[in-house]
N, C-alpha and C. Protein backbone atom coordinates (compact mmCIF):
# COMPACT_ATOMS: atom_id res chain seq x y z
N VAL A 1 -4.98 -17.28 15.88
CA VAL A 1 -5.24 -18.59 15.31
C VAL A 1 -5.71 -19.52 16.43
N ILE A 2 -6.74 -20.26 16.15
CA ILE A 2 -7.31 -21.19 17.13
C ILE A 2 -7.17 -22.60 16.60
N VAL A 3 -6.69 -23.53 17.46
CA VAL A 3 -6.65 -24.94 17.10
C VAL A 3 -8.07 -25.46 17.26
N LYS A 4 -8.69 -25.86 16.15
CA LYS A 4 -10.08 -26.33 16.18
C LYS A 4 -10.16 -27.82 16.47
N GLU A 5 -9.17 -28.57 15.96
CA GLU A 5 -9.26 -30.03 16.11
C GLU A 5 -7.89 -30.64 15.85
N ILE A 6 -7.55 -31.67 16.61
CA ILE A 6 -6.36 -32.49 16.33
C ILE A 6 -6.86 -33.72 15.58
N LEU A 7 -6.37 -33.90 14.37
CA LEU A 7 -6.84 -34.98 13.51
C LEU A 7 -6.13 -36.29 13.85
N SER A 8 -6.66 -37.40 13.34
CA SER A 8 -6.15 -38.74 13.68
C SER A 8 -4.71 -38.94 13.22
N ASP A 9 -4.27 -38.21 12.18
CA ASP A 9 -2.89 -38.37 11.72
C ASP A 9 -1.92 -37.48 12.49
N GLY A 10 -2.42 -36.78 13.51
CA GLY A 10 -1.57 -35.92 14.33
C GLY A 10 -1.50 -34.48 13.86
N SER A 11 -2.07 -34.20 12.69
CA SER A 11 -2.08 -32.82 12.21
C SER A 11 -3.19 -32.04 12.91
N ALA A 12 -3.13 -30.74 12.80
CA ALA A 12 -4.11 -29.89 13.47
C ALA A 12 -4.92 -29.11 12.45
N MET A 13 -6.21 -28.93 12.74
CA MET A 13 -7.06 -28.07 11.92
C MET A 13 -7.11 -26.73 12.64
N LEU A 14 -6.69 -25.69 11.95
CA LEU A 14 -6.62 -24.36 12.53
C LEU A 14 -7.71 -23.46 11.97
N ASP A 15 -8.14 -22.49 12.76
CA ASP A 15 -9.08 -21.46 12.33
C ASP A 15 -8.34 -20.13 12.43
N ALA A 16 -8.03 -19.56 11.27
CA ALA A 16 -7.28 -18.30 11.24
C ALA A 16 -8.18 -17.11 10.91
N ASN A 17 -9.48 -17.29 10.97
CA ASN A 17 -10.41 -16.20 10.69
C ASN A 17 -10.39 -15.17 11.81
N HIS A 18 -10.64 -13.94 11.46
CA HIS A 18 -10.80 -12.88 12.45
C HIS A 18 -12.06 -13.18 13.26
N LYS A 19 -12.09 -12.75 14.51
CA LYS A 19 -13.25 -13.06 15.36
C LYS A 19 -14.54 -12.44 14.85
N LEU A 20 -14.46 -11.43 13.99
CA LEU A 20 -15.68 -10.83 13.43
C LEU A 20 -16.03 -11.39 12.05
N ALA A 21 -15.25 -12.36 11.55
CA ALA A 21 -15.54 -12.95 10.23
C ALA A 21 -16.92 -13.59 10.25
N GLY A 22 -17.71 -13.32 9.23
CA GLY A 22 -19.04 -13.90 9.11
C GLY A 22 -20.12 -13.18 9.90
N LYS A 23 -19.74 -12.16 10.66
CA LYS A 23 -20.72 -11.40 11.45
C LYS A 23 -21.25 -10.23 10.61
N SER A 24 -22.47 -9.83 10.88
CA SER A 24 -23.02 -8.63 10.26
C SER A 24 -22.62 -7.44 11.12
N LEU A 25 -22.05 -6.45 10.50
CA LEU A 25 -21.63 -5.26 11.22
C LEU A 25 -22.49 -4.08 10.81
N THR A 26 -22.86 -3.27 11.76
CA THR A 26 -23.64 -2.06 11.50
C THR A 26 -22.83 -0.87 11.99
N PHE A 27 -22.67 0.13 11.14
CA PHE A 27 -21.94 1.33 11.48
C PHE A 27 -22.89 2.52 11.47
N ARG A 28 -22.74 3.39 12.43
CA ARG A 28 -23.47 4.65 12.42
C ARG A 28 -22.47 5.72 12.01
N ILE A 29 -22.77 6.42 10.92
CA ILE A 29 -21.85 7.43 10.44
C ILE A 29 -22.57 8.76 10.33
N GLU A 30 -21.79 9.80 10.36
CA GLU A 30 -22.31 11.16 10.17
C GLU A 30 -21.50 11.80 9.06
N LEU A 31 -22.16 12.19 7.98
CA LEU A 31 -21.51 12.87 6.88
C LEU A 31 -21.29 14.32 7.30
N VAL A 32 -20.03 14.69 7.40
CA VAL A 32 -19.73 16.05 7.86
C VAL A 32 -19.33 16.96 6.72
N GLY A 33 -19.20 16.42 5.53
CA GLY A 33 -18.86 17.27 4.39
C GLY A 33 -18.52 16.42 3.18
N PHE A 34 -18.42 17.06 2.06
CA PHE A 34 -18.03 16.39 0.84
C PHE A 34 -17.52 17.44 -0.11
N ARG A 35 -16.88 16.97 -1.15
CA ARG A 35 -16.42 17.90 -2.18
C ARG A 35 -16.85 17.38 -3.54
N GLU A 36 -17.06 18.28 -4.41
CA GLU A 36 -17.46 17.90 -5.76
C GLU A 36 -16.29 17.19 -6.44
N VAL A 37 -16.61 16.20 -7.25
CA VAL A 37 -15.60 15.47 -8.00
C VAL A 37 -15.46 16.10 -9.38
N VAL A 38 -14.24 16.43 -9.74
CA VAL A 38 -13.95 16.98 -11.06
C VAL A 38 -13.28 15.86 -11.85
N LYS A 39 -13.93 15.41 -12.91
CA LYS A 39 -13.39 14.31 -13.71
C LYS A 39 -12.68 14.82 -14.94
N GLY A 40 -11.62 14.09 -15.29
CA GLY A 40 -10.86 14.37 -16.50
C GLY A 40 -9.68 15.27 -16.23
N MET A 41 -8.52 14.86 -16.76
CA MET A 41 -7.34 15.70 -16.63
C MET A 41 -6.34 15.33 -17.71
N THR A 42 -5.42 16.22 -17.97
CA THR A 42 -4.35 16.00 -18.93
C THR A 42 -3.08 15.73 -18.15
N VAL A 43 -2.38 14.67 -18.50
CA VAL A 43 -1.13 14.32 -17.83
C VAL A 43 -0.04 14.14 -18.87
N ALA A 44 1.19 14.23 -18.41
CA ALA A 44 2.34 14.02 -19.28
C ALA A 44 2.66 12.55 -19.33
N GLY A 45 2.87 12.05 -20.54
CA GLY A 45 3.20 10.64 -20.72
C GLY A 45 4.62 10.47 -21.23
N TRP A 46 4.81 9.43 -22.01
CA TRP A 46 6.13 9.11 -22.54
C TRP A 46 6.68 10.27 -23.36
N ASN A 47 7.92 10.62 -23.13
CA ASN A 47 8.59 11.74 -23.80
C ASN A 47 7.84 13.05 -23.60
N SER A 48 7.19 13.19 -22.46
CA SER A 48 6.45 14.41 -22.08
C SER A 48 5.29 14.72 -23.01
N LYS A 49 4.81 13.75 -23.75
CA LYS A 49 3.63 13.97 -24.60
C LYS A 49 2.40 13.94 -23.72
N SER A 50 1.56 14.94 -23.84
CA SER A 50 0.35 15.03 -23.03
C SER A 50 -0.75 14.14 -23.59
N PHE A 51 -1.53 13.59 -22.68
CA PHE A 51 -2.71 12.83 -23.10
C PHE A 51 -3.81 13.04 -22.07
N GLN A 52 -5.04 12.87 -22.52
CA GLN A 52 -6.23 13.11 -21.70
C GLN A 52 -6.64 11.82 -21.01
N VAL A 53 -6.94 11.89 -19.71
CA VAL A 53 -7.46 10.76 -18.95
C VAL A 53 -8.86 11.17 -18.49
N PRO A 54 -9.90 10.80 -19.25
CA PRO A 54 -11.24 11.30 -18.97
C PRO A 54 -11.85 10.79 -17.67
N PHE A 55 -11.41 9.63 -17.19
CA PHE A 55 -11.99 9.06 -15.97
C PHE A 55 -11.21 9.43 -14.72
N ALA A 56 -10.10 10.16 -14.85
CA ALA A 56 -9.30 10.56 -13.68
C ALA A 56 -10.06 11.58 -12.85
N ILE A 57 -9.91 11.51 -11.55
CA ILE A 57 -10.52 12.50 -10.66
C ILE A 57 -9.49 13.61 -10.47
N ALA A 58 -9.73 14.72 -11.14
CA ALA A 58 -8.74 15.78 -11.23
C ALA A 58 -8.46 16.47 -9.91
N ASN A 59 -9.38 16.43 -8.96
CA ASN A 59 -9.14 17.13 -7.70
C ASN A 59 -8.83 16.16 -6.55
N SER A 60 -8.33 14.97 -6.88
CA SER A 60 -7.92 14.04 -5.82
C SER A 60 -6.50 14.40 -5.38
N PRO A 61 -6.10 14.00 -4.18
CA PRO A 61 -4.74 14.28 -3.72
C PRO A 61 -3.66 13.73 -4.67
N VAL A 62 -3.90 12.56 -5.25
CA VAL A 62 -2.92 11.99 -6.18
C VAL A 62 -2.82 12.84 -7.44
N SER A 63 -3.96 13.25 -7.97
CA SER A 63 -3.94 14.09 -9.17
C SER A 63 -3.29 15.43 -8.88
N GLU A 64 -3.49 15.96 -7.69
CA GLU A 64 -2.84 17.22 -7.33
C GLU A 64 -1.33 17.09 -7.38
N ALA A 65 -0.83 15.90 -7.02
CA ALA A 65 0.62 15.67 -7.07
C ALA A 65 1.13 15.74 -8.50
N PHE A 66 0.33 15.27 -9.47
CA PHE A 66 0.73 15.37 -10.88
C PHE A 66 0.78 16.82 -11.33
N ASN A 67 -0.09 17.64 -10.78
CA ASN A 67 -0.11 19.05 -11.16
C ASN A 67 1.00 19.86 -10.52
N ASN A 68 1.55 19.36 -9.42
CA ASN A 68 2.62 20.05 -8.71
C ASN A 68 3.81 19.11 -8.56
N PRO A 69 4.55 18.85 -9.64
CA PRO A 69 5.63 17.88 -9.56
C PRO A 69 6.71 18.32 -8.56
N TRP A 70 7.24 17.35 -7.87
CA TRP A 70 8.25 17.63 -6.87
C TRP A 70 9.60 17.79 -7.55
N GLN A 71 10.52 18.36 -6.84
CA GLN A 71 11.86 18.59 -7.37
C GLN A 71 12.83 17.55 -6.83
N TRP A 72 13.79 17.14 -7.65
CA TRP A 72 14.83 16.25 -7.19
C TRP A 72 15.67 16.97 -6.15
N PRO A 73 16.14 16.29 -5.12
CA PRO A 73 17.00 16.95 -4.14
C PRO A 73 18.32 17.37 -4.79
N SER A 74 18.92 18.40 -4.29
CA SER A 74 20.17 18.90 -4.88
C SER A 74 21.33 17.94 -4.64
N SER A 75 21.24 17.10 -3.61
CA SER A 75 22.28 16.10 -3.37
C SER A 75 21.63 14.83 -2.85
N TRP A 76 22.37 13.72 -2.88
CA TRP A 76 21.86 12.44 -2.41
C TRP A 76 21.53 12.56 -0.94
N PRO A 77 20.28 12.31 -0.52
CA PRO A 77 19.87 12.57 0.86
C PRO A 77 20.20 11.45 1.85
N TYR A 78 20.84 10.36 1.41
CA TYR A 78 21.09 9.22 2.28
C TYR A 78 22.57 9.01 2.53
N THR A 79 22.87 8.32 3.61
CA THR A 79 24.24 7.94 3.92
C THR A 79 24.32 6.41 3.89
N ALA A 80 25.53 5.88 3.94
CA ALA A 80 25.70 4.42 3.94
C ALA A 80 24.99 3.80 5.14
N ALA A 81 24.94 4.51 6.25
CA ALA A 81 24.29 3.99 7.46
C ALA A 81 22.79 3.76 7.24
N ASP A 82 22.18 4.51 6.34
CA ASP A 82 20.76 4.34 6.06
C ASP A 82 20.46 2.98 5.43
N PHE A 83 21.47 2.36 4.83
CA PHE A 83 21.28 1.08 4.15
C PHE A 83 21.87 -0.09 4.93
N LYS A 84 22.34 0.17 6.13
CA LYS A 84 22.95 -0.87 6.95
C LYS A 84 21.86 -1.75 7.54
N ARG A 85 22.08 -3.05 7.51
CA ARG A 85 21.14 -3.98 8.11
C ARG A 85 21.26 -3.94 9.62
N SER A 86 20.19 -4.24 10.31
CA SER A 86 20.26 -4.29 11.77
C SER A 86 21.00 -5.53 12.24
N ASP A 87 21.03 -6.57 11.41
CA ASP A 87 21.76 -7.80 11.73
C ASP A 87 22.83 -7.98 10.67
N GLU A 88 24.08 -7.67 11.02
CA GLU A 88 25.17 -7.75 10.05
C GLU A 88 25.93 -9.07 10.13
N THR A 89 25.33 -10.10 10.76
CA THR A 89 26.01 -11.39 10.84
C THR A 89 26.11 -12.02 9.46
N ASP A 90 27.08 -12.95 9.32
CA ASP A 90 27.28 -13.65 8.06
C ASP A 90 26.02 -14.43 7.69
N ASP A 91 25.55 -14.24 6.48
CA ASP A 91 24.32 -14.93 6.08
C ASP A 91 24.58 -16.00 5.02
N SER A 92 25.81 -16.51 4.94
CA SER A 92 26.12 -17.52 3.93
C SER A 92 25.32 -18.81 4.18
N SER A 93 25.03 -19.14 5.43
CA SER A 93 24.23 -20.34 5.69
C SER A 93 22.80 -20.17 5.22
N PHE A 94 22.34 -18.94 5.15
CA PHE A 94 20.98 -18.66 4.66
C PHE A 94 20.85 -19.06 3.20
N TYR A 95 21.93 -18.85 2.42
CA TYR A 95 21.88 -19.12 0.99
C TYR A 95 22.35 -20.52 0.62
N SER A 96 22.88 -21.29 1.57
CA SER A 96 23.32 -22.65 1.26
C SER A 96 22.11 -23.58 1.22
N GLU A 97 22.24 -24.62 0.46
CA GLU A 97 21.11 -25.55 0.33
C GLU A 97 21.25 -26.72 1.26
């Protein structure tokens, strides 16, 4: 953030734009490969009823996850320490008005 101007009332006008904002950028890229897009897939919906999503990209990583559902862990994978705050100080003043 850059202070652009101090105004007569004592407030400041700031510029929070990125240094490349408003610039034209040119990229040189090399296409090293691509894969064909397969559109349309059937997914399970409410109460496991299947429905067709014609605009879905069936071979995307997200769609692959729908085709290979993960399994619930056999036991709860976390301990109480996983939910402990790094700052355990009393926060009652935070909630007071």
